């Protein structure tokens, strides 16, 4: 099982809300977007990769999602 990597992520938006920096990061080629609080870009990417891992999304599932999104 091959894991999703940082190269599969796209930074959509970085903003400050209530004094905290938040990031919207998408799984490239899908309509899945994660919203996390982090103090740096690297921390935000790592948090998203951890969420993706906990959700059980691996490279083969990601490719399947991309194919379904591309179809619609």
N, C-alpha and C. Protein backbone atom coordinates (compact mmCIF):
# COMPACT_ATOMS: atom_id res chain seq x y z
N UNK A 1 0.85 -1.18 0.00
CA UNK A 1 0.00 0.00 0.00
C UNK A 1 0.89 1.23 0.00
N UNK A 2 0.82 2.00 -1.07
CA UNK A 2 1.63 3.20 -1.23
C UNK A 2 0.90 4.39 -0.61
N UNK A 3 1.60 5.16 0.19
CA UNK A 3 0.99 6.28 0.88
C UNK A 3 0.90 7.53 0.00
N UNK A 4 -0.07 8.37 0.31
CA UNK A 4 -0.21 9.68 -0.33
C UNK A 4 0.94 10.54 0.18
N UNK A 5 1.49 11.38 -0.69
CA UNK A 5 2.63 12.22 -0.30
C UNK A 5 2.29 13.71 -0.47
N UNK A 6 3.21 14.54 -0.05
CA UNK A 6 3.02 15.99 -0.15
C UNK A 6 2.79 16.43 -1.60
N UNK A 7 3.36 15.70 -2.55
CA UNK A 7 3.19 16.07 -3.96
C UNK A 7 1.74 15.87 -4.44
N UNK A 8 0.93 15.15 -3.66
CA UNK A 8 -0.48 14.94 -3.99
C UNK A 8 -1.37 16.03 -3.40
N UNK A 9 -0.77 16.98 -2.71
CA UNK A 9 -1.53 18.04 -2.05
C UNK A 9 -1.34 19.37 -2.75
N UNK A 10 -2.39 20.20 -2.70
CA UNK A 10 -2.35 21.53 -3.31
C UNK A 10 -2.84 22.54 -2.28
N UNK A 11 -2.03 23.57 -2.03
CA UNK A 11 -2.44 24.64 -1.12
C UNK A 11 -3.48 25.50 -1.83
N UNK A 12 -4.68 25.53 -1.29
CA UNK A 12 -5.77 26.29 -1.89
C UNK A 12 -5.81 27.70 -1.32
N UNK A 13 -5.63 27.79 0.00
CA UNK A 13 -5.75 29.10 0.65
C UNK A 13 -5.04 29.07 2.00
N UNK A 14 -4.46 30.21 2.34
CA UNK A 14 -3.85 30.41 3.65
C UNK A 14 -4.44 31.70 4.18
N UNK A 15 -5.03 31.66 5.39
CA UNK A 15 -5.68 32.86 5.91
C UNK A 15 -5.59 32.88 7.44
N UNK A 16 -5.90 34.03 8.01
CA UNK A 16 -5.90 34.18 9.46
C UNK A 16 -7.34 34.33 9.92
N UNK A 17 -7.73 33.52 10.90
CA UNK A 17 -9.08 33.56 11.46
C UNK A 17 -8.95 33.57 12.98
N UNK A 18 -9.51 34.57 13.61
CA UNK A 18 -9.42 34.75 15.07
C UNK A 18 -7.98 34.68 15.55
N UNK A 19 -7.09 35.29 14.78
CA UNK A 19 -5.69 35.38 15.18
C UNK A 19 -4.86 34.12 14.93
N UNK A 20 -5.44 33.11 14.30
CA UNK A 20 -4.72 31.86 14.04
C UNK A 20 -4.63 31.61 12.54
N UNK A 21 -3.47 31.15 12.10
CA UNK A 21 -3.27 30.87 10.68
C UNK A 21 -3.91 29.53 10.34
N UNK A 22 -4.73 29.54 9.29
CA UNK A 22 -5.41 28.32 8.83
C UNK A 22 -5.06 28.08 7.37
N UNK A 23 -5.11 26.82 6.99
CA UNK A 23 -4.77 26.42 5.62
C UNK A 23 -5.89 25.57 5.07
N UNK A 24 -6.23 25.81 3.80
CA UNK A 24 -7.13 24.93 3.06
C UNK A 24 -6.23 24.20 2.05
N UNK A 25 -6.15 22.89 2.20
CA UNK A 25 -5.28 22.08 1.35
C UNK A 25 -6.12 20.97 0.72
N UNK A 26 -6.01 20.84 -0.61
CA UNK A 26 -6.81 19.87 -1.36
C UNK A 26 -5.96 18.67 -1.78
N UNK A 27 -6.63 17.53 -1.93
CA UNK A 27 -6.01 16.38 -2.58
C UNK A 27 -6.12 16.67 -4.07
N UNK A 28 -5.00 16.80 -4.75
CA UNK A 28 -5.02 17.21 -6.16
C UNK A 28 -5.84 16.25 -7.00
N UNK A 29 -6.61 16.82 -7.92
CA UNK A 29 -7.44 16.04 -8.82
C UNK A 29 -8.74 15.56 -8.21
N UNK A 30 -9.05 16.03 -6.99
CA UNK A 30 -10.30 15.64 -6.33
C UNK A 30 -11.00 16.90 -5.84
N UNK A 31 -12.18 16.71 -5.28
CA UNK A 31 -12.90 17.82 -4.67
C UNK A 31 -12.80 17.75 -3.14
N UNK A 32 -11.80 17.06 -2.63
CA UNK A 32 -11.61 16.89 -1.19
C UNK A 32 -10.64 17.98 -0.70
N UNK A 33 -11.12 18.78 0.26
CA UNK A 33 -10.32 19.88 0.81
C UNK A 33 -10.30 19.75 2.34
N UNK A 34 -9.11 19.90 2.90
CA UNK A 34 -8.93 19.84 4.36
C UNK A 34 -8.65 21.25 4.86
N UNK A 35 -9.19 21.57 6.03
CA UNK A 35 -9.00 22.88 6.63
C UNK A 35 -8.32 22.65 7.98
N UNK A 36 -7.07 23.09 8.11
CA UNK A 36 -6.31 22.84 9.34
C UNK A 36 -5.69 24.14 9.86
N UNK A 37 -5.46 24.16 11.16
CA UNK A 37 -4.72 25.26 11.79
C UNK A 37 -3.28 24.81 11.92
N UNK A 38 -2.34 25.70 11.55
CA UNK A 38 -0.92 25.38 11.65
C UNK A 38 -0.11 26.66 11.71
N UNK A 39 1.11 26.53 12.24
CA UNK A 39 1.97 27.71 12.35
C UNK A 39 2.91 27.86 11.16
N UNK A 40 2.95 26.83 10.27
CA UNK A 40 3.79 26.91 9.07
C UNK A 40 3.19 26.04 7.97
N UNK A 41 3.63 26.30 6.74
CA UNK A 41 3.16 25.50 5.61
C UNK A 41 3.48 24.02 5.84
N UNK A 42 4.70 23.74 6.27
CA UNK A 42 5.14 22.36 6.48
C UNK A 42 4.27 21.65 7.52
N UNK A 43 3.96 22.33 8.61
CA UNK A 43 3.11 21.73 9.64
C UNK A 43 1.72 21.45 9.08
N UNK A 44 1.20 22.36 8.26
CA UNK A 44 -0.13 22.16 7.66
C UNK A 44 -0.14 20.93 6.76
N UNK A 45 0.89 20.79 5.91
CA UNK A 45 0.96 19.63 5.03
C UNK A 45 1.05 18.34 5.86
N UNK A 46 1.86 18.36 6.91
CA UNK A 46 2.01 17.17 7.75
C UNK A 46 0.70 16.79 8.44
N UNK A 47 -0.04 17.81 8.90
CA UNK A 47 -1.34 17.54 9.54
C UNK A 47 -2.31 16.90 8.54
N UNK A 48 -2.34 17.42 7.32
CA UNK A 48 -3.24 16.88 6.31
C UNK A 48 -2.84 15.44 5.95
N UNK A 49 -1.55 15.20 5.79
CA UNK A 49 -1.09 13.83 5.49
C UNK A 49 -1.47 12.86 6.60
N UNK A 50 -1.42 13.31 7.85
CA UNK A 50 -1.82 12.47 8.98
C UNK A 50 -3.32 12.17 8.93
N UNK A 51 -4.13 13.18 8.61
CA UNK A 51 -5.57 12.99 8.49
C UNK A 51 -5.87 11.99 7.37
N UNK A 52 -5.21 12.17 6.23
CA UNK A 52 -5.40 11.27 5.08
C UNK A 52 -5.04 9.84 5.46
N UNK A 53 -3.93 9.67 6.19
CA UNK A 53 -3.52 8.33 6.63
C UNK A 53 -4.56 7.72 7.56
N UNK A 54 -5.06 8.52 8.52
CA UNK A 54 -6.07 8.02 9.46
C UNK A 54 -7.38 7.65 8.76
N UNK A 55 -7.68 8.35 7.66
CA UNK A 55 -8.89 8.05 6.90
C UNK A 55 -8.73 6.80 6.04
N UNK A 56 -7.49 6.33 5.91
CA UNK A 56 -7.25 5.13 5.11
C UNK A 56 -7.13 5.39 3.62
N UNK A 57 -6.85 6.62 3.26
CA UNK A 57 -6.70 6.95 1.84
C UNK A 57 -5.26 6.66 1.42
N UNK A 58 -5.10 5.68 0.55
CA UNK A 58 -3.77 5.37 0.01
C UNK A 58 -3.75 5.78 -1.46
N UNK A 59 -2.65 5.53 -2.12
CA UNK A 59 -2.49 5.97 -3.50
C UNK A 59 -3.54 5.32 -4.42
N UNK A 60 -3.85 4.06 -4.23
CA UNK A 60 -4.82 3.40 -5.13
C UNK A 60 -6.22 3.97 -4.93
N UNK A 61 -6.61 4.24 -3.69
CA UNK A 61 -7.91 4.85 -3.44
C UNK A 61 -7.95 6.27 -4.00
N UNK A 62 -6.85 7.00 -3.86
CA UNK A 62 -6.77 8.36 -4.41
C UNK A 62 -6.95 8.34 -5.92
N UNK A 63 -6.32 7.40 -6.59
CA UNK A 63 -6.47 7.29 -8.06
C UNK A 63 -7.91 6.97 -8.43
N UNK A 64 -8.55 6.12 -7.63
CA UNK A 64 -9.96 5.78 -7.88
C UNK A 64 -10.85 7.01 -7.71
N UNK A 65 -10.60 7.81 -6.68
CA UNK A 65 -11.37 9.04 -6.46
C UNK A 65 -11.16 10.00 -7.63
N UNK A 66 -9.90 10.15 -8.04
CA UNK A 66 -9.60 11.04 -9.17
C UNK A 66 -10.34 10.62 -10.43
N UNK A 67 -10.40 9.33 -10.69
CA UNK A 67 -11.07 8.82 -11.88
C UNK A 67 -12.55 9.14 -11.82
N UNK A 68 -13.18 8.99 -10.63
CA UNK A 68 -14.60 9.28 -10.49
C UNK A 68 -14.88 10.78 -10.64
N UNK A 69 -14.01 11.61 -10.10
CA UNK A 69 -14.19 13.07 -10.21
C UNK A 69 -14.04 13.49 -11.66
N UNK A 70 -13.08 12.90 -12.35
CA UNK A 70 -12.82 13.23 -13.75
C UNK A 70 -14.02 12.86 -14.63
N UNK A 71 -14.70 11.73 -14.30
CA UNK A 71 -15.87 11.27 -15.05
C UNK A 71 -17.02 12.26 -14.98
N UNK A 72 -17.22 12.87 -13.81
CA UNK A 72 -18.40 13.73 -13.63
C UNK A 72 -18.23 15.12 -14.14
